[in-house]
C-alpha atoms as a PDB file:
ATOM      1  CA  MET A   1     162.710  15.652  -3.522  1.00  0.00           C
ATOM      2  CA  GLN A   2     159.701  17.534  -4.845  1.00  0.00           C
ATOM      3  CA  MET A   3     158.872  14.803  -7.326  1.00  0.00           C
ATOM      4  CA  ALA A   4     159.031  12.180  -4.579  1.00  0.00           C
ATOM      5  CA  LEU A   5     156.716  14.213  -2.350  1.00  0.00           C
ATOM      6  CA  LEU A   6     154.398  14.831  -5.280  1.00  0.00           C
ATOM      7  CA  TRP A   7     154.101  11.098  -5.966  1.00  0.00           C
ATOM      8  CA  ILE A   8     153.711  10.315  -2.263  1.00  0.00           C
ATOM      9  CA  GLY A   9     150.879  12.839  -2.138  1.00  0.00           C
ATOM     10  CA  ARG A  10     149.183  11.364  -5.188  1.00  0.00           C
ATOM     11  CA  LEU A  11     149.468   7.760  -4.015  1.00  0.00           C
ATOM     12  CA  ALA A  12     148.439   8.500  -0.438  1.00  0.00           C
ATOM     13  CA  GLY A  13     145.476  10.584  -1.583  1.00  0.00           C
ATOM     14  CA  PHE A  14     144.315   7.916  -4.016  1.00  0.00           C
ATOM     15  CA  LEU A  15     144.712   5.119  -1.464  1.00  0.00           C
ATOM     16  CA  GLY A  16     142.961   7.204   1.189  1.00  0.00           C
ATOM     17  CA  ALA A  17     140.035   7.938  -1.095  1.00  0.00           C
ATOM     18  CA  LEU A  18     139.702   4.253  -1.953  1.00  0.00           C
ATOM     19  CA  LEU A  19     139.723   3.248   1.713  1.00  0.00           C
ATOM     20  CA  VAL A  20     137.129   5.869   2.633  1.00  0.00           C
ATOM     21  CA  ILE A  21     134.852   4.889  -0.248  1.00  0.00           C
ATOM     22  CA  ALA A  22     135.220   1.184   0.532  1.00  0.00           C
ATOM     23  CA  SER A  23     134.442   1.676   4.215  1.00  0.00           C
ATOM     24  CA  VAL A  24     131.397   3.877   3.521  1.00  0.00           C
ATOM     25  CA  LEU A  25     129.986   1.451   0.969  1.00  0.00           C
ATOM     26  CA  ARG A  26     130.629  -1.547   3.208  1.00  0.00           C
ATOM     27  CA  ARG A  27     129.005   0.132   6.210  1.00  0.00           C
ATOM     28  CA  ALA A  28     126.043   1.259   4.111  1.00  0.00           C
ATOM     29  CA  SER A  29     125.490  -2.371   3.174  1.00  0.00           C
ATOM     30  CA  GLY A  30     125.111  -3.220   6.868  1.00  0.00           C
ATOM     31  CA  ALA A  31     128.486  -4.805   7.567  1.00  0.00           C
ATOM     32  CA  PHE A  32     130.659  -3.939  10.544  1.00  0.00           C
ATOM     33  CA  PHE A  33     133.873  -5.598   9.338  1.00  0.00           C
ATOM     34  CA  LEU A  34     136.020  -5.467   6.214  1.00  0.00           C
ATOM     35  CA  GLY A  35     138.063  -8.617   6.371  1.00  0.00           C
ATOM     36  CA  SER A  36     139.274  -8.805   9.948  1.00  0.00           C
ATOM     37  CA  LEU A  37     139.219  -5.026  10.511  1.00  0.00           C
ATOM     38  CA  GLN A  38     136.351  -2.959  11.814  1.00  0.00           C
ATOM     39  CA  ILE A  39     134.904  -0.445   9.368  1.00  0.00           C
ATOM     40  CA  GLY A  40     135.798   2.465  11.658  1.00  0.00           C
ATOM     41  CA  THR A  41     139.448   1.425  11.607  1.00  0.00           C
ATOM     42  CA  VAL A  42     139.457   1.291   7.808  1.00  0.00           C
ATOM     43  CA  LEU A  43     137.774   4.701   7.679  1.00  0.00           C
ATOM     44  CA  GLN A  44     140.372   6.211  10.016  1.00  0.00           C
ATOM     45  CA  GLY A  45     143.157   4.729   7.911  1.00  0.00           C
ATOM     46  CA  GLY A  46     141.631   6.282   4.818  1.00  0.00           C
ATOM     47  CA  ILE A  47     141.353   9.663   6.505  1.00  0.00           C
ATOM     48  CA  ALA A  48     144.967   9.437   7.692  1.00  0.00           C
ATOM     49  CA  ALA A  49     146.188   8.560   4.198  1.00  0.00           C
ATOM     50  CA  THR A  50     144.226  11.458   2.716  1.00  0.00           C
ATOM     51  CA  ILE A  51     145.741  13.863   5.252  1.00  0.00           C
ATOM     52  CA  LEU A  52     149.221  12.531   4.437  1.00  0.00           C
ATOM     53  CA  GLY A  53     148.557  13.233   0.775  1.00  0.00           C
ATOM     54  CA  CYS A  54     147.388  16.765   1.560  1.00  0.00           C
ATOM     55  CA  LEU A  55     150.456  17.462   3.691  1.00  0.00           C
ATOM     56  CA  ALA A  56     152.790  16.172   0.982  1.00  0.00           C
ATOM     57  CA  TYR A  57     151.127  18.450  -1.564  1.00  0.00           C
ATOM     58  CA  LEU A  58     151.360  21.358   0.873  1.00  0.00           C
ATOM     59  CA  ILE A  59     155.101  20.837   1.294  1.00  0.00           C
ATOM     60  CA  VAL A  60     155.537  20.801  -2.486  1.00  0.00           C
ATOM     61  CA  LEU A  61     153.540  24.035  -2.823  1.00  0.00           C
ATOM     62  CA  VAL A  62     155.502  25.801  -0.084  1.00  0.00           C
ATOM     63  CA  GLU A  63     158.838  24.722  -1.574  1.00  0.00           C
ATOM     64  CA  TYR A  64     157.735  25.889  -5.033  1.00  0.00           C
ATOM     65  CA  ARG A  65     156.684  29.286  -3.723  1.00  0.00           C
ATOM     66  CA  HIS A  66     160.023  29.922  -1.979  1.00  0.00           C
ATOM     67  CA  LYS A  67     162.040  29.383  -5.144  1.00  0.00           C
END
């Protein structure tokens, strides 16, 4: 279970960082849309994925400490 949460945390954090970077760069270039989605929506998705990654890592750390 810990390995699954560890990989979920890594993938979600990486995907979240990519979405945040893509939305910031796209907005800095003057665009309001990325495909058919607004930049703010992409940014919020990136933030949510990053938080999911942090929570998965936190669960792994708490489980490790209690053993």
